[in-house]
Amino acid sequence: MPIETTESLLNRFDYTYERTNNQLEIKLGLGLSVTANFSNSEKVVIKESLTTWNFLTGTLDMSLKSALIFNFVAPVFFIGLFSYTLGKDYLLVMNIAFLMIFWVLLWSNYYLVKAEQMKQTLRRWNEN
């Protein structure tokens, strides 16, 4: 499917996107964007990324996969840091750990579902 057909469908369903040569960057809100690259005429390459000011990486730009790895390693570091600095206040450390893990799981699931939903939509549009 040509890029123009996908672009018309994005307009029809009121998606916010930017076109650069043979590439569409679709903004899904809350710092998530999906990029569809139409350079190869036989297959469309679809990637997702998190831009600045999102709920998983804050001010860092990175792919969703990198953000998930980062957010499962960072809490271990911070929980260790809090355990060391707060000493014997285990209840506070456990509450902080629970909140960090809950936050990461909540937003990871949100971004994964939103990105996969858009990727599946683009695949369905480009099958015909």
Protein backbone atom coordinates (compact mmCIF):
# COMPACT_ATOMS: atom_id res chain seq x y z
CA MET A 1 0.00 0.00 0.00
CA PRO A 2 1.41 3.40 -0.86
CA ILE A 3 2.11 6.00 1.78
CA GLU A 4 -0.63 8.26 0.41
CA THR A 5 -3.34 5.70 1.20
CA THR A 6 -2.13 5.32 4.78
CA GLU A 7 -1.92 9.10 5.06
CA SER A 8 -5.53 9.49 3.89
CA LEU A 9 -6.68 6.89 6.43
CA LEU A 10 -4.80 8.71 9.20
CA ASN A 11 -6.57 11.93 8.16
CA ARG A 12 -9.91 10.15 8.01
CA PHE A 13 -9.56 8.86 11.58
CA ASP A 14 -8.09 12.16 12.84
CA TYR A 15 -4.61 11.00 13.88
CA THR A 16 -1.85 13.54 14.42
CA TYR A 17 1.14 12.70 12.23
CA GLU A 18 4.11 14.18 10.40
CA ARG A 19 5.32 13.07 6.98
CA THR A 20 9.03 13.15 6.15
CA ASN A 21 9.89 11.75 2.70
CA ASN A 22 8.79 8.09 2.84
CA GLN A 23 8.15 8.03 6.57
CA LEU A 24 5.12 8.77 8.74
CA GLU A 25 5.50 9.59 12.43
CA ILE A 26 2.18 9.14 14.19
CA LYS A 27 1.83 10.88 17.55
CA LEU A 28 -0.33 8.88 19.94
CA GLY A 29 -0.18 11.21 22.92
CA LEU A 30 1.58 11.12 26.29
CA GLY A 31 4.99 11.00 24.62
CA LEU A 32 4.39 7.91 22.46
CA SER A 33 4.92 7.91 18.71
CA VAL A 34 4.87 5.17 16.08
CA THR A 35 6.97 5.54 12.94
CA ALA A 36 6.07 3.77 9.70
CA ASN A 37 8.85 3.69 7.11
CA PHE A 38 7.67 3.13 3.53
CA SER A 39 11.16 3.21 1.91
CA ASN A 40 11.05 -0.47 1.02
CA SER A 41 8.19 -1.06 -1.43
CA GLU A 42 7.74 -4.68 -0.32
CA LYS A 43 7.38 -4.16 3.42
CA VAL A 44 6.59 -1.36 5.83
CA VAL A 45 8.90 -1.06 8.85
CA ILE A 46 7.00 0.03 11.97
CA LYS A 47 8.78 1.19 15.14
CA GLU A 48 7.62 2.81 18.35
CA SER A 49 9.44 5.35 20.49
CA LEU A 50 8.97 7.48 23.56
CA THR A 51 9.71 11.18 23.28
CA THR A 52 10.49 13.59 26.10
CA TRP A 53 8.08 14.16 28.95
CA ASN A 54 6.47 10.75 29.13
CA PHE A 55 5.62 8.77 32.25
CA LEU A 56 8.31 6.08 31.85
CA THR A 57 11.51 7.88 30.90
CA GLY A 58 10.81 11.48 31.86
CA THR A 59 13.09 13.68 29.78
CA LEU A 60 14.89 10.89 27.91
CA ASP A 61 14.11 9.91 24.31
CA MET A 62 14.32 6.16 23.68
CA SER A 63 12.57 3.23 22.09
CA LEU A 64 9.84 1.49 24.03
CA LYS A 65 11.96 -1.65 24.39
CA SER A 66 14.86 0.34 25.86
CA ALA A 67 12.48 2.17 28.18
CA LEU A 68 11.12 -1.11 29.52
CA ILE A 69 14.61 -2.45 30.20
CA PHE A 70 15.62 0.85 31.80
CA ASN A 71 12.53 0.88 34.01
CA PHE A 72 13.04 -2.64 35.29
CA VAL A 73 16.71 -2.02 36.13
CA ALA A 74 16.38 1.49 37.60
CA PRO A 75 13.98 0.51 40.44
CA VAL A 76 16.42 -2.16 41.62
CA PHE A 77 19.12 0.51 41.86
CA PHE A 78 16.85 3.01 43.63
CA ILE A 79 15.44 0.44 46.04
CA GLY A 80 19.01 -0.52 46.97
CA LEU A 81 19.88 3.15 47.41
CA PHE A 82 16.82 3.77 49.59
CA SER A 83 17.55 0.66 51.65
CA TYR A 84 21.08 1.86 52.29
CA THR A 85 20.22 5.49 53.10
CA LEU A 86 17.05 4.91 55.12
CA GLY A 87 18.59 2.19 57.26
CA LYS A 88 16.12 0.37 59.45
CA ASP A 89 12.93 1.98 58.15
CA TYR A 90 11.92 -1.09 56.13
CA LEU A 91 8.25 -0.16 55.88
CA LEU A 92 9.08 3.08 54.08
CA VAL A 93 11.49 1.30 51.74
CA MET A 94 8.87 -1.35 50.94
CA ASN A 95 6.23 1.31 50.27
CA ILE A 96 8.58 3.19 47.94
CA ALA A 97 9.47 -0.07 46.17
CA PHE A 98 5.80 -0.99 45.77
CA LEU A 99 4.96 2.43 44.33
CA MET A 100 7.88 2.33 41.89
CA ILE A 101 7.01 -1.16 40.67
CA PHE A 102 3.31 -0.26 40.36
CA TRP A 103 4.15 2.90 38.39
CA VAL A 104 6.43 1.04 35.96
CA LEU A 105 3.95 -1.80 35.39
CA LEU A 106 1.02 0.57 34.90
CA TRP A 107 2.69 2.81 32.33
CA SER A 108 4.57 -0.01 30.61
CA ASN A 109 1.31 -1.81 29.96
CA TYR A 110 -0.37 1.39 28.77
CA TYR A 111 2.39 2.21 26.26
CA LEU A 112 2.74 -1.40 25.06
CA VAL A 113 -0.98 -1.79 24.41
CA LYS A 114 -1.28 1.61 22.72
CA ALA A 115 1.76 0.98 20.46
CA GLU A 116 0.72 -2.56 19.52
CA GLN A 117 -2.81 -1.41 18.75
CA MET A 118 -1.50 1.23 16.33
CA LYS A 119 0.99 -1.19 14.77
CA GLN A 120 -1.80 -3.72 14.15
CA THR A 121 -3.97 -1.00 12.64
CA LEU A 122 -1.17 0.02 10.27
CA ARG A 123 -0.55 -3.62 9.32
CA ARG A 124 -4.25 -4.15 8.54
CA TRP A 125 -4.33 -0.99 6.42
CA ASN A 126 -1.23 -2.07 4.49
CA GLU A 127 -2.28 -5.69 3.87
CA ASN A 128 -4.54 -4.89 0.93
